[in-house]
Structure formats: structure tokens, C-alpha cells
Amino acid sequence: MFEERPLTDQTWTDLEELFGQRGGSIVRGCWCIYYRKVGPVGIGPREDYRRLERSRVMKAVDDTPVWSIVCTYVAKAYRGKGYQHKLLAGAIDYARDQGVGMLEAYPVDKPERSHDDFMFFGSRSLYEQAGFREVVRRSPTRLVMRRGLRPRRAT
């Protein structure tokens, strides 16, 4: 069963347990999502991720206000079962609920399969399936993708 939950003081131990599991070595020292409300997806206003501006690959494309998706993580035992797609869908819904108009991601795009430790950015196909489109490529294997969001209709 899959359940989305905000990261709160009450759910913090669940995150610690997830990061401590076998296969979680890549995220054990990565606590960037501590400040995010959707975990384990690192998502928030681009300006909250100052290191993006110092990146040759992930620096700003233009002046469009965006929220960035900088990382995702699925425990090894659950990989290959579609959970990363569900996490991304939850992050998109969360951003839409916050009134975000544009999402941006920085996935890996390689013809061969990458080692799991290097896939915390996600893959091009993950984002394409969620409606993101390439806007710039500054590296042979890394790109910037975006998806515009429309507000939910009132019911």
C-alpha cells in the first residue's frame, strides 16, 4: 500500500528508518528534504536551493519563477514497482495546491542504465511520463526539464 504523508516531527523517525535501510547509503548524509513538506522528494522554490545557481548544469534557464524538484528516493526493496512515479505525482499535486505555475527538474539522460546511487535526480523518462519537457541541455547526460501547472478547478 502506498501512502503520501507530509514530513513532520511525528513522521521524522519514519524518514530516518528509510534512510538507514540497506541500499540507502547515498542518502544517509543527505538531509535536504528536512525543510521540505513532501518527503522523500526534495521540492520547493528554486531560490531555496542556492547551490543550483553554482551548477553548470542546473543554473537558471531564464527569469521564470519555478519550483525545483532536486531529488527523489525510494528504498531498495520497493524500486521498480512504480513508487517513484507515485512520489512525483504527489509532488506535482502538492506544488499545484501551493499555487505553483512551473516545475523544473534536472534528470539523468543516458542510453545505458545508471547505478542506483546516481539516480536521485530521477531519469528523463520518469519526468517525460509526468508531462515534463526538455528546455535546455548543458551536458551530454544531464538536462533541465519543465512542466507548467494549472490551478485546480473549484468544485
N, C-alpha and C. Protein backbone atom coordinates (compact mmCIF):
# COMPACT_ATOMS: atom_id res chain seq x y z
N MET A 1 0.84 -1.18 0.00
CA MET A 1 0.00 0.00 0.00
C MET A 1 0.89 1.25 0.00
N PHE A 2 0.53 2.20 -0.80
CA PHE A 2 1.29 3.45 -0.90
C PHE A 2 0.50 4.56 -0.22
N GLU A 3 1.21 5.35 0.57
CA GLU A 3 0.56 6.46 1.28
C GLU A 3 1.48 7.66 1.26
N GLU A 4 0.94 8.80 0.86
CA GLU A 4 1.69 10.06 0.91
C GLU A 4 1.45 10.69 2.26
N ARG A 5 2.53 11.18 2.88
CA ARG A 5 2.39 11.90 4.14
C ARG A 5 3.41 13.02 4.19
N PRO A 6 3.01 14.17 4.72
CA PRO A 6 3.98 15.26 4.90
C PRO A 6 5.03 14.85 5.93
N LEU A 7 6.21 15.38 5.77
CA LEU A 7 7.27 15.17 6.74
C LEU A 7 7.04 16.12 7.90
N THR A 8 6.78 15.56 9.07
CA THR A 8 6.52 16.34 10.27
C THR A 8 7.37 15.82 11.40
N ASP A 9 7.29 16.47 12.54
CA ASP A 9 8.00 15.96 13.72
C ASP A 9 7.56 14.54 14.04
N GLN A 10 6.29 14.24 13.83
CA GLN A 10 5.76 12.92 14.14
C GLN A 10 6.20 11.84 13.14
N THR A 11 6.49 12.21 11.90
CA THR A 11 6.89 11.23 10.89
C THR A 11 8.40 11.22 10.64
N TRP A 12 9.13 12.05 11.35
CA TRP A 12 10.59 12.15 11.15
C TRP A 12 11.28 10.81 11.35
N THR A 13 10.89 10.02 12.34
CA THR A 13 11.55 8.73 12.58
C THR A 13 11.34 7.78 11.41
N ASP A 14 10.21 7.90 10.70
CA ASP A 14 9.99 7.07 9.50
C ASP A 14 11.03 7.39 8.44
N LEU A 15 11.35 8.68 8.28
CA LEU A 15 12.36 9.08 7.31
C LEU A 15 13.74 8.56 7.73
N GLU A 16 14.06 8.66 9.00
CA GLU A 16 15.34 8.15 9.48
C GLU A 16 15.45 6.65 9.22
N GLU A 17 14.37 5.93 9.47
CA GLU A 17 14.37 4.49 9.23
C GLU A 17 14.58 4.18 7.74
N LEU A 18 13.90 4.91 6.87
CA LEU A 18 14.04 4.72 5.43
C LEU A 18 15.48 4.95 5.00
N PHE A 19 16.06 6.06 5.42
CA PHE A 19 17.43 6.38 5.02
C PHE A 19 18.46 5.41 5.60
N GLY A 20 18.13 4.77 6.70
CA GLY A 20 19.06 3.84 7.33
C GLY A 20 19.03 2.43 6.77
N GLN A 21 18.08 2.12 5.89
CA GLN A 21 17.95 0.78 5.35
C GLN A 21 19.09 0.46 4.39
N ARG A 22 19.33 -0.84 4.21
CA ARG A 22 20.33 -1.31 3.25
C ARG A 22 20.00 -0.72 1.87
N GLY A 23 20.99 -0.20 1.19
CA GLY A 23 20.79 0.43 -0.10
C GLY A 23 20.54 1.93 0.01
N GLY A 24 20.52 2.43 1.23
CA GLY A 24 20.26 3.85 1.45
C GLY A 24 21.50 4.66 1.68
N SER A 25 22.67 4.12 1.38
CA SER A 25 23.92 4.83 1.68
C SER A 25 24.02 6.16 0.96
N ILE A 26 23.42 6.28 -0.21
CA ILE A 26 23.52 7.52 -0.98
C ILE A 26 22.80 8.67 -0.29
N VAL A 27 21.78 8.37 0.52
CA VAL A 27 21.01 9.44 1.15
C VAL A 27 21.29 9.60 2.64
N ARG A 28 22.12 8.76 3.22
CA ARG A 28 22.36 8.84 4.66
C ARG A 28 22.86 10.20 5.10
N GLY A 29 23.66 10.85 4.28
CA GLY A 29 24.17 12.17 4.64
C GLY A 29 23.40 13.30 3.96
N CYS A 30 22.31 12.98 3.28
CA CYS A 30 21.56 13.98 2.52
C CYS A 30 20.25 14.28 3.24
N TRP A 31 20.22 15.38 3.95
CA TRP A 31 19.02 15.72 4.70
C TRP A 31 18.36 16.97 4.14
N CYS A 32 18.53 17.21 2.83
CA CYS A 32 17.98 18.42 2.22
C CYS A 32 16.46 18.46 2.31
N ILE A 33 15.81 17.31 2.38
CA ILE A 33 14.35 17.33 2.41
C ILE A 33 13.81 17.64 3.80
N TYR A 34 14.68 17.80 4.77
CA TYR A 34 14.23 18.17 6.11
C TYR A 34 13.36 19.42 6.06
N TYR A 35 13.70 20.33 5.19
CA TYR A 35 12.98 21.60 5.10
C TYR A 35 11.82 21.56 4.11
N ARG A 36 11.60 20.44 3.48
CA ARG A 36 10.53 20.30 2.51
C ARG A 36 9.32 19.65 3.15
N LYS A 37 8.15 19.84 2.57
CA LYS A 37 6.92 19.28 3.11
C LYS A 37 6.53 17.97 2.44
N VAL A 38 7.12 17.62 1.31
CA VAL A 38 6.88 16.33 0.66
C VAL A 38 8.17 15.55 0.73
N GLY A 39 8.20 14.46 1.45
CA GLY A 39 9.40 13.65 1.53
C GLY A 39 9.03 12.24 1.15
N PRO A 40 9.91 11.55 0.58
CA PRO A 40 11.27 11.90 0.21
C PRO A 40 11.44 12.42 -1.22
N VAL A 41 10.80 13.51 -1.50
CA VAL A 41 11.03 14.24 -2.74
C VAL A 41 11.49 15.63 -2.33
N GLY A 42 12.67 16.03 -2.78
CA GLY A 42 13.16 17.38 -2.50
C GLY A 42 12.51 18.34 -3.47
N ILE A 43 11.55 19.13 -3.00
CA ILE A 43 10.82 20.06 -3.87
C ILE A 43 10.60 21.37 -3.13
N GLY A 44 10.74 22.46 -3.84
CA GLY A 44 10.48 23.76 -3.24
C GLY A 44 10.87 24.87 -4.19
N PRO A 45 10.67 26.11 -3.77
CA PRO A 45 11.05 27.25 -4.61
C PRO A 45 12.53 27.19 -4.99
N ARG A 46 12.81 27.42 -6.24
CA ARG A 46 14.19 27.34 -6.74
C ARG A 46 15.15 28.15 -5.88
N GLU A 47 14.71 29.33 -5.44
CA GLU A 47 15.61 30.19 -4.66
C GLU A 47 15.99 29.57 -3.31
N ASP A 48 15.25 28.57 -2.85
CA ASP A 48 15.62 27.87 -1.62
C ASP A 48 16.82 26.95 -1.83
N TYR A 49 17.14 26.65 -3.06
CA TYR A 49 18.26 25.77 -3.40
C TYR A 49 19.37 26.60 -4.04
N ARG A 50 20.07 27.35 -3.24
CA ARG A 50 21.09 28.28 -3.74
C ARG A 50 22.20 27.60 -4.54
N ARG A 51 22.50 26.34 -4.21
CA ARG A 51 23.57 25.64 -4.93
C ARG A 51 23.24 25.43 -6.40
N LEU A 52 21.97 25.49 -6.76
CA LEU A 52 21.61 25.33 -8.17
C LEU A 52 22.27 26.40 -9.03
N GLU A 53 22.37 27.61 -8.52
CA GLU A 53 22.96 28.70 -9.29
C GLU A 53 24.45 28.49 -9.55
N ARG A 54 25.10 27.75 -8.69
CA ARG A 54 26.55 27.49 -8.88
C ARG A 54 26.79 26.29 -9.80
N SER A 55 25.72 25.60 -10.16
CA SER A 55 25.84 24.43 -11.01
C SER A 55 25.90 24.81 -12.48
N ARG A 56 26.82 24.24 -13.18
CA ARG A 56 26.92 24.47 -14.61
C ARG A 56 25.69 23.90 -15.33
N VAL A 57 25.17 22.80 -14.85
CA VAL A 57 24.05 22.11 -15.48
C VAL A 57 22.70 22.67 -15.05
N MET A 58 22.56 22.99 -13.76
CA MET A 58 21.25 23.31 -13.20
C MET A 58 21.00 24.80 -12.96
N LYS A 59 21.89 25.67 -13.43
CA LYS A 59 21.67 27.10 -13.24
C LYS A 59 20.39 27.54 -13.95
N ALA A 60 19.89 28.71 -13.60
CA ALA A 60 18.62 29.20 -14.13
C ALA A 60 18.63 29.26 -15.65
N VAL A 61 17.52 28.88 -16.23
CA VAL A 61 17.34 28.93 -17.68
C VAL A 61 16.92 30.33 -18.10
N ASP A 62 16.04 30.94 -17.30
CA ASP A 62 15.51 32.27 -17.58
C ASP A 62 14.96 32.84 -16.28
N ASP A 63 14.16 33.88 -16.35
CA ASP A 63 13.62 34.52 -15.15
C ASP A 63 12.28 33.96 -14.69
N THR A 64 11.80 32.91 -15.32
CA THR A 64 10.53 32.32 -14.93
C THR A 64 10.60 31.82 -13.49
N PRO A 65 9.64 32.21 -12.64
CA PRO A 65 9.62 31.66 -11.28
C PRO A 65 9.26 30.18 -11.33
N VAL A 66 10.10 29.35 -10.74
CA VAL A 66 9.88 27.90 -10.75
C VAL A 66 10.08 27.32 -9.37
N TRP A 67 9.46 26.17 -9.16
CA TRP A 67 9.80 25.31 -8.05
C TRP A 67 10.65 24.20 -8.62
N SER A 68 11.67 23.80 -7.89
CA SER A 68 12.60 22.77 -8.34
C SER A 68 12.35 21.45 -7.64
N ILE A 69 12.47 20.39 -8.41
CA ILE A 69 12.49 19.03 -7.85
C ILE A 69 13.94 18.60 -7.96
N VAL A 70 14.62 18.50 -6.82
CA VAL A 70 16.06 18.25 -6.86
C VAL A 70 16.45 16.81 -6.55
N CYS A 71 15.55 16.03 -5.93
CA CYS A 71 15.90 14.65 -5.65
C CYS A 71 14.67 13.84 -5.28
N THR A 72 14.78 12.53 -5.49
CA THR A 72 13.77 11.58 -5.03
C THR A 72 14.51 10.36 -4.50
N TYR A 73 13.83 9.61 -3.66
CA TYR A 73 14.47 8.41 -3.13
C TYR A 73 13.41 7.37 -2.83
N VAL A 74 13.66 6.15 -3.27
CA VAL A 74 12.80 5.01 -2.98
C VAL A 74 13.69 3.93 -2.38
N ALA A 75 13.25 3.34 -1.27
CA ALA A 75 14.01 2.27 -0.63
C ALA A 75 14.25 1.13 -1.62
N LYS A 76 15.40 0.49 -1.52
CA LYS A 76 15.81 -0.53 -2.47
C LYS A 76 14.76 -1.63 -2.65
N ALA A 77 14.14 -2.05 -1.59
CA ALA A 77 13.15 -3.13 -1.66
C ALA A 77 11.92 -2.76 -2.48
N TYR A 78 11.69 -1.47 -2.70
CA TYR A 78 10.49 -1.01 -3.41
C TYR A 78 10.78 -0.45 -4.80
N ARG A 79 12.03 -0.50 -5.21
CA ARG A 79 12.38 0.04 -6.53
C ARG A 79 11.81 -0.85 -7.63
N GLY A 80 11.49 -0.24 -8.76
CA GLY A 80 10.98 -0.98 -9.90
C GLY A 80 9.50 -1.32 -9.80
N LYS A 81 8.81 -0.72 -8.85
CA LYS A 81 7.39 -1.00 -8.63
C LYS A 81 6.51 0.21 -8.85
N GLY A 82 7.07 1.28 -9.42
CA GLY A 82 6.28 2.45 -9.75
C GLY A 82 6.16 3.47 -8.63
N TYR A 83 6.84 3.28 -7.52
CA TYR A 83 6.70 4.21 -6.40
C TYR A 83 7.31 5.58 -6.71
N GLN A 84 8.37 5.61 -7.50
CA GLN A 84 8.95 6.91 -7.84
C GLN A 84 7.96 7.74 -8.65
N HIS A 85 7.21 7.09 -9.52
CA HIS A 85 6.17 7.79 -10.28
C HIS A 85 5.08 8.33 -9.35
N LYS A 86 4.72 7.54 -8.34
CA LYS A 86 3.71 7.99 -7.37
C LYS A 86 4.23 9.15 -6.53
N LEU A 87 5.50 9.09 -6.14
CA LEU A 87 6.09 10.20 -5.39
C LEU A 87 6.09 11.47 -6.22
N LEU A 88 6.46 11.35 -7.49
CA LEU A 88 6.49 12.51 -8.36
C LEU A 88 5.07 13.07 -8.55
N ALA A 89 4.09 12.20 -8.73
CA ALA A 89 2.70 12.66 -8.87
C ALA A 89 2.26 13.40 -7.62
N GLY A 90 2.63 12.89 -6.45
CA GLY A 90 2.30 13.57 -5.19
C GLY A 90 2.96 14.93 -5.09
N ALA A 91 4.22 15.02 -5.54
CA ALA A 91 4.94 16.30 -5.51
C ALA A 91 4.28 17.30 -6.46
N ILE A 92 3.86 16.83 -7.63
CA ILE A 92 3.18 17.71 -8.59
C ILE A 92 1.88 18.22 -7.98
N ASP A 93 1.11 17.34 -7.37
CA ASP A 93 -0.15 17.75 -6.73
C ASP A 93 0.10 18.76 -5.62
N TYR A 94 1.13 18.50 -4.83
CA TYR A 94 1.46 19.41 -3.74
C TYR A 94 1.81 20.80 -4.29
N ALA A 95 2.65 20.83 -5.32
CA ALA A 95 3.05 22.12 -5.92
C ALA A 95 1.82 22.85 -6.47
N ARG A 96 0.95 22.12 -7.15
CA ARG A 96 -0.27 22.74 -7.69
C ARG A 96 -1.10 23.33 -6.55
N ASP A 97 -1.25 22.59 -5.46
CA ASP A 97 -2.02 23.07 -4.31
C ASP A 97 -1.40 24.32 -3.69
N GLN A 98 -0.09 24.51 -3.88
CA GLN A 98 0.60 25.69 -3.36
C GLN A 98 0.55 26.86 -4.34
N GLY A 99 -0.10 26.66 -5.48
CA GLY A 99 -0.23 27.73 -6.46
C GLY A 99 0.96 27.87 -7.40
N VAL A 100 1.81 26.86 -7.46
CA VAL A 100 3.00 26.90 -8.32
C VAL A 100 2.57 26.82 -9.79
N GLY A 101 3.16 27.65 -10.62
CA GLY A 101 2.84 27.67 -12.04
C GLY A 101 3.80 26.88 -12.91
N MET A 102 5.04 26.68 -12.44
CA MET A 102 6.04 25.99 -13.25
C MET A 102 6.94 25.14 -12.35
N LEU A 103 7.10 23.88 -12.71
CA LEU A 103 8.03 22.97 -12.03
C LEU A 103 9.22 22.72 -12.93
N GLU A 104 10.37 22.50 -12.30
CA GLU A 104 11.61 22.26 -13.03
C GLU A 104 12.32 21.07 -12.38
N ALA A 105 12.94 20.23 -13.21
CA ALA A 105 13.68 19.06 -12.73
C ALA A 105 14.98 18.92 -13.51
N TYR A 106 15.91 18.13 -12.98
CA TYR A 106 17.27 18.05 -13.52
C TYR A 106 17.71 16.59 -13.68
N PRO A 107 16.98 15.80 -14.47
CA PRO A 107 17.22 14.36 -14.52
C PRO A 107 18.46 13.95 -15.30
N VAL A 108 18.74 12.65 -15.16
CA VAL A 108 19.81 11.99 -15.88
C VAL A 108 19.22 11.43 -17.18
N ASP A 109 19.97 11.55 -18.27
CA ASP A 109 19.52 11.04 -19.57
C ASP A 109 20.69 10.29 -20.20
N LYS A 110 20.68 8.96 -20.02
CA LYS A 110 21.75 8.12 -20.56
C LYS A 110 21.12 6.91 -21.26
N PRO A 111 21.74 6.43 -22.33
CA PRO A 111 21.18 5.26 -23.01
C PRO A 111 21.29 3.98 -22.17
N GLU A 112 22.34 3.88 -21.36
CA GLU A 112 22.51 2.69 -20.52
C GLU A 112 21.99 2.97 -19.11
N ARG A 113 21.70 1.91 -18.40
CA ARG A 113 21.18 2.05 -17.03
C ARG A 113 22.29 2.57 -16.12
N SER A 114 21.96 3.55 -15.31
CA SER A 114 22.90 4.11 -14.35
C SER A 114 22.81 3.35 -13.04
N HIS A 115 23.86 3.40 -12.27
CA HIS A 115 23.85 2.82 -10.94
C HIS A 115 22.83 3.58 -10.08
N ASP A 116 22.11 2.86 -9.24
CA ASP A 116 21.07 3.46 -8.40
C ASP A 116 21.57 4.66 -7.61
N ASP A 117 22.83 4.62 -7.16
CA ASP A 117 23.38 5.71 -6.35
C ASP A 117 23.41 7.04 -7.09
N PHE A 118 23.31 7.01 -8.41
CA PHE A 118 23.39 8.24 -9.18
C PHE A 118 22.03 8.66 -9.75
N MET A 119 20.97 8.00 -9.32
CA MET A 119 19.65 8.28 -9.90
C MET A 119 18.74 9.08 -8.98
N PHE A 120 19.30 9.72 -7.95
CA PHE A 120 18.46 10.51 -7.05
C PHE A 120 17.86 11.72 -7.74
N PHE A 121 18.41 12.12 -8.90
CA PHE A 121 17.81 13.20 -9.68
C PHE A 121 16.61 12.69 -10.49
N GLY A 122 16.51 11.38 -10.66
CA GLY A 122 15.47 10.80 -11.50
C GLY A 122 15.94 10.68 -12.93
N SER A 123 15.16 9.98 -13.73
CA SER A 123 15.50 9.77 -15.14
C SER A 123 14.64 10.64 -16.04
N ARG A 124 15.14 10.86 -17.23
CA ARG A 124 14.38 11.62 -18.22
C ARG A 124 13.00 11.00 -18.42
N SER A 125 12.94 9.67 -18.55
CA SER A 125 11.66 9.01 -18.82
C SER A 125 10.67 9.20 -17.68
N LEU A 126 11.14 9.23 -16.45
CA LEU A 126 10.26 9.47 -15.30
C LEU A 126 9.54 10.80 -15.48
N TYR A 127 10.29 11.83 -15.80
CA TYR A 127 9.71 13.17 -15.94
C TYR A 127 8.90 13.31 -17.22
N GLU A 128 9.35 12.70 -18.31
CA GLU A 128 8.56 12.76 -19.55
C GLU A 128 7.18 12.15 -19.34
N GLN A 129 7.13 11.02 -18.66
CA GLN A 129 5.84 10.37 -18.41
C GLN A 129 4.93 11.23 -17.55
N ALA A 130 5.51 12.15 -16.80
CA ALA A 130 4.72 13.05 -15.95
C ALA A 130 4.44 14.39 -16.63
N GLY A 131 4.75 14.50 -17.93
CA GLY A 131 4.41 15.71 -18.67
C GLY A 131 5.49 16.78 -18.72
N PHE A 132 6.70 16.49 -18.26
CA PHE A 132 7.81 17.45 -18.33
C PHE A 132 8.42 17.40 -19.72
N ARG A 133 8.96 18.54 -20.17
CA ARG A 133 9.63 18.63 -21.46
C ARG A 133 11.00 19.28 -21.29
N GLU A 134 11.95 18.82 -22.11
CA GLU A 134 13.31 19.37 -22.06
C GLU A 134 13.30 20.83 -22.49
N VAL A 135 14.00 21.67 -21.70
CA VAL A 135 14.13 23.09 -22.07
C VAL A 135 15.56 23.47 -22.37
N VAL A 136 16.53 22.78 -21.79
CA VAL A 136 17.94 23.04 -22.10
C VAL A 136 18.76 21.83 -21.69
N ARG A 137 19.85 21.60 -22.44
CA ARG A 137 20.78 20.52 -22.13
C ARG A 137 22.17 21.15 -22.09
N ARG A 138 22.80 21.09 -20.93
CA ARG A 138 24.13 21.69 -20.77
C ARG A 138 25.21 20.63 -20.57
N SER A 139 24.80 19.38 -20.71
CA SER A 139 25.71 18.25 -20.53
C SER A 139 25.17 17.11 -21.38
N PRO A 140 26.03 16.22 -21.85
CA PRO A 140 25.54 15.10 -22.66
C PRO A 140 24.53 14.21 -21.91
N THR A 141 24.65 14.12 -20.59
CA THR A 141 23.79 13.20 -19.83
C THR A 141 22.87 13.89 -18.83
N ARG A 142 22.86 15.19 -18.78
CA ARG A 142 22.01 15.92 -17.83
C ARG A 142 21.26 17.03 -18.55
N LEU A 143 20.02 17.25 -18.13
CA LEU A 143 19.20 18.27 -18.77
C LEU A 143 18.30 18.95 -17.76
N VAL A 144 17.68 20.02 -18.20
CA VAL A 144 16.68 20.73 -17.40
C VAL A 144 15.35 20.50 -18.10
N MET A 145 14.36 20.05 -17.32
CA MET A 145 13.02 19.81 -17.85
C MET A 145 12.02 20.63 -17.06
N ARG A 146 10.92 21.00 -17.72
CA ARG A 146 9.88 21.78 -17.05
C ARG A 146 8.49 21.25 -17.37
N ARG A 147 7.60 21.56 -16.45
CA ARG A 147 6.18 21.28 -16.64
C ARG A 147 5.38 22.43 -16.06
N GLY A 148 4.51 23.01 -16.87
CA GLY A 148 3.62 24.05 -16.38
C GLY A 148 2.45 23.41 -15.63
N LEU A 149 1.97 24.11 -14.61
CA LEU A 149 0.84 23.62 -13.82
C LEU A 149 -0.31 24.62 -13.90
N ARG A 150 -1.49 24.10 -13.99
CA ARG A 150 -2.70 24.93 -13.93
C ARG A 150 -3.34 24.73 -12.56
N PRO A 151 -3.94 25.77 -12.03
CA PRO A 151 -4.60 25.62 -10.74
C PRO A 151 -5.74 24.62 -10.84
N ARG A 152 -6.02 23.97 -9.74
CA ARG A 152 -7.17 23.05 -9.70
C ARG A 152 -8.45 23.85 -9.84
N ARG A 153 -9.40 23.27 -10.51
CA ARG A 153 -10.72 23.91 -10.64
C ARG A 153 -11.48 23.74 -9.34
N ALA A 154 -12.17 24.79 -8.97
CA ALA A 154 -13.03 24.70 -7.78
C ALA A 154 -14.20 23.76 -8.09
N THR A 155 -14.55 22.95 -7.11
CA THR A 155 -15.66 22.01 -7.32
C THR A 155 -16.92 22.46 -6.67
